[in-house]
C-alpha cells in the first residue's frame, strides 16, 4: 500500500514540476525539435519526467501486491491533490463545478475502499 501512495505522490509532484517548467518556457504553438529540446532540458520539466518515471516503477511494485481494480482507481486521488495544490498555491480558480468533480472522485475512492 505504501508503494501505491508513493507512486501517486510521485505522479502529483511530477505534474506540478511539469507545470512550473512549462510556465517558465511560455506558450508553445508548434512542436518541433527545438521546442522538444527546450522542454526536455528545462530542469523543472526534466525533474517532472523523472518523478513520473519513479512513480511508474513504484506502481509496478504496487501491482505486484494489490488488485489492479483497487490500485488503478486510487490514482484518481492524484487529480484531487493536483487540483487542491493548483487552487491553494498557484491561485487557479476552483469553481463549484471543479469542487463537484473533486467530491465525486473522493466519493468514488471511498466506495472502492469499502
N, C-alpha and C. Protein backbone atom coordinates (compact mmCIF):
# COMPACT_ATOMS: atom_id res chain seq x y z
N UNK A 1 0.83 -1.19 0.00
CA UNK A 1 0.00 0.00 0.00
C UNK A 1 0.88 1.26 0.00
N UNK A 2 2.00 1.20 0.74
CA UNK A 2 2.91 2.35 0.77
C UNK A 2 3.39 2.71 -0.63
N UNK A 3 3.74 1.68 -1.42
CA UNK A 3 4.26 1.95 -2.77
C UNK A 3 3.20 2.61 -3.64
N UNK A 4 1.95 2.26 -3.46
CA UNK A 4 0.88 2.89 -4.23
C UNK A 4 0.80 4.38 -3.90
N UNK A 5 0.81 4.70 -2.62
CA UNK A 5 0.76 6.12 -2.24
C UNK A 5 2.01 6.86 -2.69
N UNK A 6 3.15 6.18 -2.65
CA UNK A 6 4.39 6.79 -3.15
C UNK A 6 4.28 7.05 -4.65
N UNK A 7 3.71 6.11 -5.38
CA UNK A 7 3.52 6.28 -6.83
C UNK A 7 2.59 7.45 -7.12
N UNK A 8 1.52 7.57 -6.35
CA UNK A 8 0.59 8.69 -6.54
C UNK A 8 1.29 10.01 -6.23
N UNK A 9 2.05 10.05 -5.14
CA UNK A 9 2.78 11.27 -4.77
C UNK A 9 3.78 11.66 -5.85
N UNK A 10 4.50 10.69 -6.38
CA UNK A 10 5.46 10.98 -7.47
C UNK A 10 4.74 11.54 -8.69
N UNK A 11 3.59 11.01 -8.99
CA UNK A 11 2.80 11.50 -10.12
C UNK A 11 2.37 12.94 -9.91
N UNK A 12 1.92 13.25 -8.70
CA UNK A 12 1.49 14.62 -8.39
C UNK A 12 2.66 15.58 -8.45
N UNK A 13 3.77 15.22 -7.82
CA UNK A 13 4.96 16.08 -7.85
C UNK A 13 5.44 16.26 -9.28
N UNK A 14 5.43 15.19 -10.06
CA UNK A 14 5.83 15.28 -11.46
C UNK A 14 4.94 16.24 -12.24
N UNK A 15 3.65 16.15 -12.02
CA UNK A 15 2.70 17.03 -12.72
C UNK A 15 2.94 18.50 -12.36
N UNK A 16 3.17 18.77 -11.08
CA UNK A 16 3.40 20.14 -10.63
C UNK A 16 4.72 20.67 -11.20
N UNK A 17 5.75 19.85 -11.19
CA UNK A 17 7.04 20.28 -11.76
C UNK A 17 6.92 20.55 -13.25
N UNK A 18 6.17 19.70 -13.96
CA UNK A 18 5.96 19.93 -15.39
C UNK A 18 5.26 21.27 -15.62
N UNK A 19 4.27 21.58 -14.80
CA UNK A 19 3.54 22.84 -14.95
C UNK A 19 4.46 24.03 -14.69
N UNK A 20 5.24 23.99 -13.62
CA UNK A 20 6.18 25.08 -13.33
C UNK A 20 7.19 25.24 -14.47
N UNK A 21 7.70 24.13 -14.96
CA UNK A 21 8.67 24.19 -16.06
C UNK A 21 8.08 24.75 -17.33
N UNK A 22 6.88 24.34 -17.67
CA UNK A 22 6.24 24.85 -18.88
C UNK A 22 5.85 26.31 -18.73
N UNK A 23 5.52 26.73 -17.52
CA UNK A 23 5.28 28.17 -17.29
C UNK A 23 6.54 28.98 -17.56
N UNK A 24 7.69 28.44 -17.19
CA UNK A 24 8.96 29.11 -17.46
C UNK A 24 9.20 29.26 -18.95
N UNK A 25 8.84 28.24 -19.71
CA UNK A 25 9.10 28.26 -21.15
C UNK A 25 8.10 29.13 -21.91
N UNK A 26 6.95 29.39 -21.33
CA UNK A 26 5.95 30.22 -22.00
C UNK A 26 5.10 29.40 -22.96
N UNK A 27 4.22 30.09 -23.66
CA UNK A 27 3.31 29.42 -24.59
C UNK A 27 4.05 28.80 -25.76
N UNK A 28 3.63 27.64 -26.12
CA UNK A 28 4.23 26.93 -27.25
C UNK A 28 3.14 26.67 -28.28
N UNK A 29 3.39 27.06 -29.52
CA UNK A 29 2.38 26.90 -30.56
C UNK A 29 2.63 25.71 -31.47
N UNK A 30 3.87 25.37 -31.68
CA UNK A 30 4.19 24.28 -32.61
C UNK A 30 5.20 23.35 -31.96
N UNK A 31 5.14 22.10 -32.37
CA UNK A 31 6.11 21.13 -31.86
C UNK A 31 7.15 20.89 -32.95
N UNK A 32 8.38 21.16 -32.60
CA UNK A 32 9.50 20.85 -33.48
C UNK A 32 10.67 20.44 -32.59
N UNK A 33 11.75 20.06 -33.20
CA UNK A 33 12.90 19.56 -32.44
C UNK A 33 13.42 20.59 -31.45
N UNK A 34 13.43 21.84 -31.82
CA UNK A 34 13.91 22.91 -30.94
C UNK A 34 13.04 23.03 -29.69
N UNK A 35 11.74 22.95 -29.87
CA UNK A 35 10.81 23.05 -28.74
C UNK A 35 10.97 21.85 -27.82
N UNK A 36 11.07 20.67 -28.39
CA UNK A 36 11.25 19.45 -27.59
C UNK A 36 12.56 19.53 -26.82
N UNK A 37 13.61 20.03 -27.44
CA UNK A 37 14.91 20.19 -26.79
C UNK A 37 14.78 21.13 -25.59
N UNK A 38 14.09 22.25 -25.77
CA UNK A 38 13.89 23.20 -24.67
C UNK A 38 13.13 22.56 -23.52
N UNK A 39 12.11 21.79 -23.86
CA UNK A 39 11.30 21.16 -22.81
C UNK A 39 12.12 20.14 -22.03
N UNK A 40 12.77 19.25 -22.73
CA UNK A 40 13.49 18.16 -22.08
C UNK A 40 14.64 18.68 -21.23
N UNK A 41 15.28 19.75 -21.67
CA UNK A 41 16.44 20.24 -20.93
C UNK A 41 16.11 21.37 -19.95
N UNK A 42 14.83 21.68 -19.80
CA UNK A 42 14.44 22.58 -18.72
C UNK A 42 14.50 21.78 -17.43
N UNK A 43 15.22 22.26 -16.41
CA UNK A 43 15.40 21.46 -15.19
C UNK A 43 14.08 21.04 -14.53
N UNK A 44 13.09 21.91 -14.52
CA UNK A 44 11.82 21.55 -13.88
C UNK A 44 11.06 20.51 -14.68
N UNK A 45 11.03 20.67 -15.98
CA UNK A 45 10.35 19.68 -16.83
C UNK A 45 11.06 18.34 -16.73
N UNK A 46 12.39 18.36 -16.78
CA UNK A 46 13.16 17.12 -16.68
C UNK A 46 12.90 16.45 -15.33
N UNK A 47 12.89 17.24 -14.25
CA UNK A 47 12.62 16.68 -12.92
C UNK A 47 11.22 16.08 -12.85
N UNK A 48 10.26 16.73 -13.50
CA UNK A 48 8.90 16.20 -13.55
C UNK A 48 8.86 14.86 -14.25
N UNK A 49 9.59 14.75 -15.36
CA UNK A 49 9.63 13.47 -16.08
C UNK A 49 10.28 12.39 -15.23
N UNK A 50 11.32 12.74 -14.49
CA UNK A 50 11.98 11.77 -13.61
C UNK A 50 11.01 11.31 -12.52
N UNK A 51 10.27 12.26 -11.93
CA UNK A 51 9.29 11.88 -10.90
C UNK A 51 8.25 10.93 -11.46
N UNK A 52 7.77 11.22 -12.68
CA UNK A 52 6.83 10.30 -13.32
C UNK A 52 7.44 8.91 -13.49
N UNK A 53 8.70 8.86 -13.90
CA UNK A 53 9.38 7.57 -14.09
C UNK A 53 9.50 6.79 -12.80
N UNK A 54 9.85 7.47 -11.72
CA UNK A 54 9.96 6.82 -10.41
C UNK A 54 8.58 6.32 -9.97
N UNK A 55 7.56 7.15 -10.19
CA UNK A 55 6.20 6.75 -9.84
C UNK A 55 5.74 5.55 -10.64
N UNK A 56 6.12 5.51 -11.90
CA UNK A 56 5.77 4.39 -12.78
C UNK A 56 6.35 3.09 -12.24
N UNK A 57 7.60 3.13 -11.81
CA UNK A 57 8.25 1.94 -11.25
C UNK A 57 7.59 1.56 -9.92
N UNK A 58 7.28 2.55 -9.10
CA UNK A 58 6.60 2.26 -7.83
C UNK A 58 5.23 1.64 -8.08
N UNK A 59 4.56 2.07 -9.14
CA UNK A 59 3.26 1.50 -9.48
C UNK A 59 3.40 0.02 -9.85
N UNK A 60 4.49 -0.33 -10.55
CA UNK A 60 4.74 -1.74 -10.86
C UNK A 60 4.80 -2.57 -9.58
N UNK A 61 5.54 -2.07 -8.59
CA UNK A 61 5.65 -2.78 -7.32
C UNK A 61 4.27 -2.90 -6.66
N UNK A 62 3.47 -1.83 -6.76
CA UNK A 62 2.12 -1.86 -6.19
C UNK A 62 1.28 -2.94 -6.84
N UNK A 63 1.37 -3.04 -8.17
CA UNK A 63 0.58 -4.03 -8.88
C UNK A 63 0.95 -5.45 -8.51
N UNK A 64 2.19 -5.65 -8.08
CA UNK A 64 2.60 -6.99 -7.70
C UNK A 64 1.96 -7.42 -6.37
N UNK A 65 1.44 -6.47 -5.60
CA UNK A 65 0.87 -6.78 -4.29
C UNK A 65 -0.64 -6.51 -4.19
N UNK A 66 -1.14 -5.59 -5.01
CA UNK A 66 -2.54 -5.17 -4.89
C UNK A 66 -3.34 -5.53 -6.13
N UNK A 67 -4.65 -5.63 -5.96
CA UNK A 67 -5.53 -5.82 -7.10
C UNK A 67 -5.53 -4.57 -7.95
N UNK A 68 -5.48 -4.75 -9.25
CA UNK A 68 -5.48 -3.60 -10.15
C UNK A 68 -6.81 -2.85 -10.07
N UNK A 69 -7.90 -3.57 -9.80
CA UNK A 69 -9.20 -2.92 -9.68
C UNK A 69 -9.25 -1.99 -8.47
N UNK A 70 -8.30 -2.13 -7.56
CA UNK A 70 -8.17 -1.21 -6.43
C UNK A 70 -7.10 -0.15 -6.72
N UNK A 71 -5.93 -0.59 -7.19
CA UNK A 71 -4.79 0.31 -7.35
C UNK A 71 -5.02 1.39 -8.40
N UNK A 72 -5.52 1.00 -9.55
CA UNK A 72 -5.65 1.97 -10.64
C UNK A 72 -6.65 3.09 -10.32
N UNK A 73 -7.84 2.76 -9.81
CA UNK A 73 -8.75 3.84 -9.45
C UNK A 73 -8.22 4.76 -8.35
N UNK A 74 -7.37 4.22 -7.47
CA UNK A 74 -6.79 5.05 -6.42
C UNK A 74 -5.95 6.19 -7.00
N UNK A 75 -5.45 6.00 -8.21
CA UNK A 75 -4.66 7.05 -8.85
C UNK A 75 -5.47 8.32 -9.08
N UNK A 76 -6.79 8.22 -9.04
CA UNK A 76 -7.61 9.42 -9.21
C UNK A 76 -7.40 10.39 -8.05
N UNK A 77 -6.86 9.91 -6.94
CA UNK A 77 -6.53 10.82 -5.84
C UNK A 77 -5.49 11.85 -6.28
N UNK A 78 -4.69 11.49 -7.26
CA UNK A 78 -3.72 12.44 -7.80
C UNK A 78 -4.42 13.65 -8.42
N UNK A 79 -5.56 13.43 -9.08
CA UNK A 79 -6.32 14.54 -9.65
C UNK A 79 -6.77 15.49 -8.56
N UNK A 80 -7.21 14.92 -7.45
CA UNK A 80 -7.68 15.74 -6.33
C UNK A 80 -6.52 16.56 -5.77
N UNK A 81 -5.38 15.91 -5.54
CA UNK A 81 -4.23 16.59 -4.96
C UNK A 81 -3.72 17.70 -5.87
N UNK A 82 -3.67 17.44 -7.17
CA UNK A 82 -3.21 18.47 -8.11
C UNK A 82 -4.18 19.64 -8.13
N UNK A 83 -5.48 19.35 -8.14
CA UNK A 83 -6.48 20.42 -8.16
C UNK A 83 -6.38 21.30 -6.91
N UNK A 84 -6.24 20.67 -5.75
CA UNK A 84 -6.13 21.42 -4.50
C UNK A 84 -4.83 22.22 -4.47
N UNK A 85 -3.73 21.62 -4.91
CA UNK A 85 -2.45 22.34 -4.97
C UNK A 85 -2.55 23.56 -5.87
N UNK A 86 -3.10 23.36 -7.06
CA UNK A 86 -3.21 24.48 -8.01
C UNK A 86 -4.11 25.58 -7.48
N UNK A 87 -5.13 25.22 -6.75
CA UNK A 87 -6.03 26.22 -6.17
C UNK A 87 -5.34 26.99 -5.05
N UNK A 88 -4.65 26.27 -4.15
CA UNK A 88 -4.06 26.92 -2.98
C UNK A 88 -2.74 27.61 -3.27
N UNK A 89 -1.89 27.00 -4.07
CA UNK A 89 -0.55 27.54 -4.29
C UNK A 89 -0.48 28.40 -5.56
N UNK A 90 -1.05 27.90 -6.65
CA UNK A 90 -0.93 28.61 -7.92
C UNK A 90 -2.10 29.56 -8.17
N UNK A 91 -3.04 29.59 -7.23
CA UNK A 91 -4.19 30.50 -7.30
C UNK A 91 -5.04 30.32 -8.55
N UNK A 92 -5.13 29.07 -9.02
CA UNK A 92 -6.03 28.80 -10.14
C UNK A 92 -7.45 28.80 -9.61
N UNK A 93 -8.41 29.16 -10.46
CA UNK A 93 -9.80 29.19 -9.99
C UNK A 93 -10.29 27.79 -9.61
N UNK A 94 -11.10 27.75 -8.58
CA UNK A 94 -11.67 26.49 -8.11
C UNK A 94 -13.18 26.68 -8.07
N UNK A 95 -13.81 26.45 -9.19
CA UNK A 95 -15.24 26.70 -9.34
C UNK A 95 -16.06 25.62 -8.63
N UNK A 96 -17.34 25.87 -8.55
CA UNK A 96 -18.25 24.88 -7.96
C UNK A 96 -18.25 23.60 -8.79
N UNK A 97 -18.08 23.73 -10.09
CA UNK A 97 -18.02 22.55 -10.95
C UNK A 97 -16.79 21.71 -10.63
N UNK A 98 -15.66 22.35 -10.43
CA UNK A 98 -14.44 21.61 -10.06
C UNK A 98 -14.59 20.98 -8.69
N UNK A 99 -15.20 21.73 -7.77
CA UNK A 99 -15.43 21.18 -6.44
C UNK A 99 -16.32 19.94 -6.53
N UNK A 100 -17.36 20.01 -7.34
CA UNK A 100 -18.25 18.86 -7.52
C UNK A 100 -17.48 17.68 -8.09
N UNK A 101 -16.60 17.92 -9.06
CA UNK A 101 -15.80 16.85 -9.64
C UNK A 101 -14.89 16.21 -8.61
N UNK A 102 -14.24 17.04 -7.78
CA UNK A 102 -13.37 16.52 -6.72
C UNK A 102 -14.17 15.69 -5.73
N UNK A 103 -15.36 16.16 -5.38
CA UNK A 103 -16.19 15.41 -4.43
C UNK A 103 -16.65 14.08 -5.02
N UNK A 104 -16.94 14.04 -6.32
CA UNK A 104 -17.32 12.79 -6.97
C UNK A 104 -16.14 11.81 -6.95
N UNK A 105 -14.94 12.31 -7.23
CA UNK A 105 -13.75 11.45 -7.19
C UNK A 105 -13.55 10.89 -5.78
N UNK A 106 -13.64 11.76 -4.78
CA UNK A 106 -13.46 11.31 -3.40
C UNK A 106 -14.52 10.28 -3.01
N UNK A 107 -15.75 10.49 -3.43
CA UNK A 107 -16.81 9.52 -3.14
C UNK A 107 -16.52 8.19 -3.82
N UNK A 108 -16.02 8.24 -5.05
CA UNK A 108 -15.69 7.01 -5.77
C UNK A 108 -14.57 6.24 -5.09
N UNK A 109 -13.55 6.96 -4.65
CA UNK A 109 -12.43 6.29 -3.94
C UNK A 109 -12.93 5.70 -2.64
N UNK A 110 -13.79 6.43 -1.94
CA UNK A 110 -14.35 5.91 -0.70
C UNK A 110 -15.13 4.63 -0.95
N UNK A 111 -15.96 4.63 -2.00
CA UNK A 111 -16.74 3.43 -2.32
C UNK A 111 -15.84 2.24 -2.68
N UNK A 112 -14.78 2.51 -3.40
CA UNK A 112 -13.86 1.42 -3.76
C UNK A 112 -13.20 0.79 -2.55
N UNK A 113 -13.02 1.57 -1.52
CA UNK A 113 -12.33 1.08 -0.32
C UNK A 113 -13.27 0.39 0.66
N UNK A 114 -14.53 0.33 0.37
CA UNK A 114 -15.49 -0.31 1.29
C UNK A 114 -15.60 -1.78 1.02
